[in-house]
N, C-alpha and C. Protein backbone atom coordinates (compact mmCIF):
# COMPACT_ATOMS: atom_id res chain seq x y z
N UNK A 1 1.16 -1.35 0.04
CA UNK A 1 -0.43 -0.03 0.12
C UNK A 1 0.54 1.03 0.21
N UNK A 2 0.67 1.86 -0.85
CA UNK A 2 1.58 3.12 -1.12
C UNK A 2 0.96 4.13 -0.58
N UNK A 3 1.77 5.06 -0.17
CA UNK A 3 0.74 6.48 0.07
C UNK A 3 0.70 7.55 -1.06
N UNK A 4 -0.48 8.05 -0.79
CA UNK A 4 -0.61 9.16 -1.79
C UNK A 4 -0.55 10.42 -1.54
N UNK A 5 0.01 11.56 -2.20
CA UNK A 5 0.13 13.30 -1.74
C UNK A 5 -1.42 13.38 -1.89
N UNK A 6 -2.19 13.66 -1.12
CA UNK A 6 -3.52 14.34 -0.63
C UNK A 6 -4.26 12.78 -0.81
N UNK A 7 -4.54 11.82 -0.01
CA UNK A 7 -4.90 10.60 0.12
C UNK A 7 -4.98 10.02 1.88
N UNK A 8 -6.13 9.43 1.92
CA UNK A 8 -5.92 8.95 2.85
C UNK A 8 -6.22 7.54 2.92
N UNK A 9 -5.35 6.61 4.02
CA UNK A 9 -5.86 5.40 4.16
C UNK A 9 -6.65 5.07 4.66
N UNK A 10 -7.71 3.85 4.18
CA UNK A 10 -9.09 3.59 4.32
C UNK A 10 -9.39 1.71 4.20
N UNK A 11 -9.70 1.00 5.09
CA UNK A 11 -9.54 -0.38 4.91
C UNK A 11 -10.70 -0.75 4.38
N UNK A 12 -10.59 -1.43 3.17
CA UNK A 12 -12.50 -1.87 2.11
C UNK A 12 -12.47 -3.33 2.19
N UNK A 13 -13.23 -3.87 1.65
CA UNK A 13 -13.37 -5.47 1.15
C UNK A 13 -11.97 -6.12 1.06
N UNK A 14 -11.56 -5.14 0.68
CA UNK A 14 -9.79 -5.65 -0.32
C UNK A 14 -9.03 -5.36 0.65
N UNK A 15 -9.09 -5.17 1.39
CA UNK A 15 -8.11 -4.57 2.23
C UNK A 15 -7.71 -3.10 2.42
N UNK A 16 -6.32 -2.78 2.99
CA UNK A 16 -6.10 -1.25 2.67
C UNK A 16 -5.88 -0.75 1.66
N UNK A 17 -6.69 0.61 1.09
CA UNK A 17 -6.53 1.70 0.17
C UNK A 17 -6.34 2.90 0.32
N UNK A 18 -5.50 3.63 -0.29
CA UNK A 18 -5.15 5.07 -0.21
C UNK A 18 -6.06 5.71 -1.06
N UNK A 19 -7.17 6.66 -0.38
CA UNK A 19 -8.33 7.33 -1.16
C UNK A 19 -7.94 8.45 -1.59
N UNK A 20 -8.04 8.80 -2.60
CA UNK A 20 -8.06 10.77 -2.88
C UNK A 20 -8.89 11.12 -2.36
N UNK A 21 -8.34 12.21 -1.69
CA UNK A 21 -9.06 13.01 -0.90
C UNK A 21 -10.44 13.96 -1.77
N UNK A 22 -9.94 13.80 -3.35
CA UNK A 22 -11.42 14.60 -3.79
C UNK A 22 -12.22 13.33 -4.36
N UNK A 23 -12.09 12.01 -4.28
CA UNK A 23 -12.84 10.79 -4.28
C UNK A 23 -14.23 10.76 -3.09
N UNK A 24 -13.29 11.59 -2.15
CA UNK A 24 -14.34 11.44 -1.15
C UNK A 24 -15.42 12.57 -0.97
N UNK A 25 -16.77 12.12 -0.89
CA UNK A 25 -17.93 12.86 -1.35
C UNK A 25 -18.38 13.12 0.75
N UNK A 26 -18.47 12.36 1.55
CA UNK A 26 -18.67 12.91 2.64
C UNK A 26 -18.53 11.68 3.99
N UNK A 27 -18.47 12.00 5.13
CA UNK A 27 -18.58 10.86 5.98
C UNK A 27 -19.51 10.95 6.81
N UNK A 28 -20.63 10.35 7.41
CA UNK A 28 -21.80 10.22 7.87
C UNK A 28 -21.07 9.14 9.26
N UNK A 29 -22.01 10.01 10.30
CA UNK A 29 -21.93 9.08 11.65
C UNK A 29 -23.06 8.93 12.55
N UNK A 30 -23.70 7.86 12.60
CA UNK A 30 -24.66 7.71 13.00
C UNK A 30 -24.86 6.60 14.10
N UNK A 31 -24.53 5.08 13.98
CA UNK A 31 -24.43 4.60 15.16
C UNK A 31 -23.13 4.02 14.71
N UNK A 32 -22.68 4.32 13.18
CA UNK A 32 -21.21 3.91 13.04
C UNK A 32 -20.58 5.20 12.14
N UNK A 33 -19.45 4.82 11.57
CA UNK A 33 -18.74 5.92 11.05
C UNK A 33 -19.07 5.07 9.00
N UNK A 34 -19.20 6.19 8.05
CA UNK A 34 -19.40 5.48 7.36
C UNK A 34 -18.69 6.78 6.36
N UNK A 35 -17.98 6.59 5.51
CA UNK A 35 -17.31 7.37 4.26
C UNK A 35 -17.63 7.04 2.85
N UNK A 36 -18.19 7.52 2.41
CA UNK A 36 -18.97 7.72 0.94
C UNK A 36 -17.79 8.02 0.01
N UNK A 37 -17.19 7.44 -0.86
CA UNK A 37 -16.47 7.77 -1.63
C UNK A 37 -16.81 7.44 -3.21
N UNK A 38 -16.07 7.81 -4.22
CA UNK A 38 -16.22 7.13 -5.49
C UNK A 38 -15.67 5.69 -5.57
N UNK A 39 -15.22 4.79 -4.56
CA UNK A 39 -14.82 3.76 -4.84
C UNK A 39 -15.60 2.74 -3.97
N UNK A 40 -16.95 3.62 -2.95
CA UNK A 40 -17.57 2.72 -2.46
C UNK A 40 -17.80 3.16 -0.73
N UNK A 41 -18.29 2.63 0.24
CA UNK A 41 -18.54 3.15 1.36
C UNK A 41 -17.00 2.14 2.38
N UNK A 42 -17.02 2.85 2.96
CA UNK A 42 -15.64 2.25 4.21
C UNK A 42 -16.48 2.78 5.58
N UNK A 43 -15.65 1.87 6.45
CA UNK A 43 -16.00 2.07 8.16
C UNK A 43 -15.01 2.65 8.91
N UNK A 44 -14.27 3.44 8.56
CA UNK A 44 -13.15 3.53 9.81
C UNK A 44 -13.16 3.29 11.14
N UNK A 45 -12.42 2.72 11.92
CA UNK A 45 -12.64 3.42 13.54
C UNK A 45 -11.86 4.37 13.95
N UNK A 46 -12.25 5.58 13.72
CA UNK A 46 -12.03 6.53 13.85
C UNK A 46 -13.39 7.85 14.05
N UNK A 47 -12.92 8.56 14.70
CA UNK A 47 -14.16 9.58 14.96
C UNK A 47 -14.13 11.00 14.02
N UNK A 48 -15.71 11.31 13.47
CA UNK A 48 -15.68 12.58 12.98
C UNK A 48 -14.55 13.57 12.94
N UNK A 49 -14.37 13.58 14.30
CA UNK A 49 -13.80 14.63 14.94
C UNK A 49 -12.34 14.45 14.36
N UNK A 50 -11.67 13.18 14.19
CA UNK A 50 -10.45 13.09 13.82
C UNK A 50 -10.17 13.56 12.46
N UNK A 51 -11.23 13.02 11.11
CA UNK A 51 -11.38 13.38 9.86
C UNK A 51 -11.49 15.10 9.79
N UNK A 52 -12.35 15.62 10.94
CA UNK A 52 -12.21 17.08 10.67
C UNK A 52 -11.20 17.77 11.16
N UNK A 53 -10.57 17.31 11.74
CA UNK A 53 -8.81 18.09 12.25
C UNK A 53 -8.22 17.82 10.82
N UNK A 54 -8.35 16.49 10.66
CA UNK A 54 -7.51 16.47 9.37
C UNK A 54 -7.62 17.33 7.88
N UNK A 55 -8.76 17.21 7.54
CA UNK A 55 -9.11 17.58 6.39
C UNK A 55 -10.18 18.66 6.06
N UNK A 56 -9.83 19.90 7.26
CA UNK A 56 -9.87 21.50 7.27
C UNK A 56 -9.75 21.89 5.93
N UNK A 57 -8.66 22.01 5.63
CA UNK A 57 -7.95 22.37 4.97
C UNK A 57 -7.78 22.13 3.27
N UNK A 58 -8.40 21.25 3.55
CA UNK A 58 -9.06 20.37 1.75
C UNK A 58 -10.37 20.68 1.43
N UNK A 59 -11.16 22.08 2.07
CA UNK A 59 -12.69 22.34 1.95
C UNK A 59 -13.37 21.06 2.68
N UNK A 60 -13.30 20.63 3.61
CA UNK A 60 -14.01 19.47 4.07
C UNK A 60 -14.69 20.70 5.57
N UNK A 61 -16.00 20.55 5.70
CA UNK A 61 -16.81 21.49 7.01
C UNK A 61 -17.96 20.65 7.26
N UNK A 62 -18.05 20.26 8.48
CA UNK A 62 -19.40 19.82 8.94
C UNK A 62 -20.64 20.77 8.41
N UNK A 63 -21.53 20.16 8.10
CA UNK A 63 -22.81 20.48 7.87
C UNK A 63 -23.92 20.43 8.51
N UNK A 64 -23.78 19.38 9.85
CA UNK A 64 -24.38 18.60 10.47
C UNK A 64 -23.84 18.18 11.59
N UNK A 65 -24.26 17.86 12.87
CA UNK A 65 -23.42 16.82 13.72
C UNK A 65 -23.14 15.57 13.40
N UNK A 66 -23.99 14.93 12.28
CA UNK A 66 -23.40 13.58 12.34
C UNK A 66 -22.84 13.87 10.79
N UNK A 67 -22.24 14.55 10.43
CA UNK A 67 -22.00 14.58 8.84
C UNK A 67 -20.47 15.35 8.81
N UNK A 68 -19.68 15.24 8.18
CA UNK A 68 -18.48 15.70 7.43
C UNK A 68 -18.48 15.71 5.74
N UNK A 69 -18.50 16.79 5.11
CA UNK A 69 -18.75 17.15 3.43
C UNK A 69 -17.75 17.80 3.21
N UNK A 70 -17.03 16.79 1.86
CA UNK A 70 -16.40 17.35 1.00
C UNK A 70 -16.91 18.14 -0.18
N UNK A 71 -17.03 19.93 0.84
CA UNK A 71 -17.47 20.90 -0.36
C UNK A 71 -17.55 20.90 -1.52
N UNK A 72 -15.96 20.67 -1.97
CA UNK A 72 -15.91 20.72 -3.63
C UNK A 72 -16.72 19.04 -4.29
N UNK A 73 -17.07 18.63 -3.46
CA UNK A 73 -17.93 17.58 -3.93
C UNK A 73 -19.61 17.60 -3.95
N UNK A 74 -19.90 18.60 -3.45
CA UNK A 74 -21.44 19.35 -3.64
C UNK A 74 -21.58 19.78 -5.14
N UNK A 75 -22.72 19.25 -5.58
CA UNK A 75 -23.15 19.71 -6.29
C UNK A 75 -24.51 20.14 -6.99
N UNK A 76 -25.01 20.25 -5.96
CA UNK A 76 -26.51 21.27 -5.48
C UNK A 76 -26.95 20.98 -3.94
N UNK A 77 -28.11 21.59 -3.98
CA UNK A 77 -28.34 21.82 -2.43
C UNK A 77 -30.18 22.00 -2.60
N UNK A 78 -31.02 21.25 -1.61
CA UNK A 78 -31.80 21.38 -1.81
C UNK A 78 -32.48 21.89 -0.87
N UNK A 79 -32.72 23.46 -0.69
CA UNK A 79 -33.85 24.00 -0.06
C UNK A 79 -34.61 23.48 0.85
N UNK A 80 -35.56 23.03 0.01
CA UNK A 80 -36.92 22.30 0.27
C UNK A 80 -36.97 21.27 1.62
N UNK A 81 -36.03 20.54 1.46
CA UNK A 81 -36.00 19.69 2.54
C UNK A 81 -34.01 19.33 3.04
N UNK A 82 -33.46 20.87 2.82
CA UNK A 82 -32.07 20.57 4.03
C UNK A 82 -30.93 20.21 3.14
N UNK A 83 -30.69 19.50 2.31
CA UNK A 83 -29.83 18.44 1.95
C UNK A 83 -29.41 18.77 0.55
N UNK A 84 -27.49 18.71 1.04
CA UNK A 84 -26.67 18.59 0.23
C UNK A 84 -26.56 17.60 -0.86
N UNK A 85 -26.66 18.08 -2.25
CA UNK A 85 -26.76 16.82 -3.45
C UNK A 85 -25.23 16.40 -3.62
N UNK A 86 -25.03 15.17 -4.05
CA UNK A 86 -23.61 14.76 -4.70
C UNK A 86 -23.44 13.95 -6.03
N UNK A 87 -22.75 14.17 -7.02
CA UNK A 87 -22.70 13.40 -8.09
C UNK A 87 -23.28 11.99 -8.36
N UNK A 88 -23.36 11.26 -7.25
CA UNK A 88 -23.44 9.83 -7.18
C UNK A 88 -24.82 9.11 -7.03
N UNK A 89 -25.92 10.71 -6.95
CA UNK A 89 -27.01 11.00 -6.09
C UNK A 89 -27.20 10.19 -4.78
N UNK A 90 -26.30 10.83 -4.10
CA UNK A 90 -26.03 10.36 -2.87
C UNK A 90 -26.34 12.02 -2.09
N UNK A 91 -27.32 11.94 -0.71
CA UNK A 91 -27.58 13.41 0.22
C UNK A 91 -26.90 12.90 1.10
N UNK A 92 -26.91 14.45 1.93
CA UNK A 92 -26.83 14.63 3.51
C UNK A 92 -27.34 15.69 4.04
N UNK A 93 -28.03 15.75 5.16
CA UNK A 93 -28.71 16.56 5.77
C UNK A 93 -27.83 18.11 6.30
N UNK A 94 -28.59 18.75 6.05
CA UNK A 94 -27.64 20.29 6.33
C UNK A 94 -28.62 21.05 7.17
N UNK A 95 -27.78 21.43 8.52
CA UNK A 95 -28.53 21.91 9.82
C UNK A 95 -28.66 23.36 9.41
N UNK A 96 -29.86 23.74 10.44
CA UNK A 96 -30.01 25.02 10.22
C UNK A 96 -29.15 26.26 10.22
N UNK A 97 -27.93 25.79 11.51
CA UNK A 97 -26.97 27.20 11.62
C UNK A 97 -26.22 26.61 10.10
N UNK A 98 -26.08 25.83 9.83
CA UNK A 98 -25.01 25.38 8.43
C UNK A 98 -25.33 25.86 7.20
N UNK A 99 -26.91 26.39 6.96
CA UNK A 99 -27.39 26.27 5.43
C UNK A 99 -26.79 27.26 5.02
N UNK A 100 -26.05 28.75 5.61
CA UNK A 100 -25.45 29.56 4.63
C UNK A 100 -23.96 29.05 4.14
N UNK A 101 -23.56 27.99 4.54
CA UNK A 101 -22.13 27.39 3.96
C UNK A 101 -22.46 26.50 2.18
N UNK A 102 -24.03 26.18 2.42
CA UNK A 102 -24.58 26.09 0.79
C UNK A 102 -24.48 27.45 -0.17
N UNK A 103 -24.35 28.83 0.56
CA UNK A 103 -24.33 29.70 -0.61
C UNK A 103 -23.91 29.77 -1.69
N UNK A 104 -22.25 29.24 -1.51
CA UNK A 104 -21.30 29.39 -2.74
C UNK A 104 -22.20 28.71 -3.85
N UNK A 105 -23.31 27.73 -3.83
CA UNK A 105 -23.98 27.15 -5.19
C UNK A 105 -24.87 28.38 -5.99
N UNK A 106 -24.54 29.46 -5.07
CA UNK A 106 -26.17 30.06 -5.65
C UNK A 106 -25.27 30.78 -6.98
């Protein structure tokens, strides 16, 4: 497993992989952490705050207490249901206090 610049190591079905940061859509954490990427889903044994600290400088931001979003991969925002939308068809909730973070899409 060779490290790549601007990539993080995640363990998937095929073992450890270096996932480029631009391939990450968002992190969600309800009962367990899930990383949503162009290569599928991963469940790392770390916290959302660990990733937030690591990825802040790469346009990742919390839009709710249970998610961390790569703002570079948000393609639309549904103001009616308060969801950030991604090119893979997935979406995540944007809390009331964080809705102004979606203004860059206007």
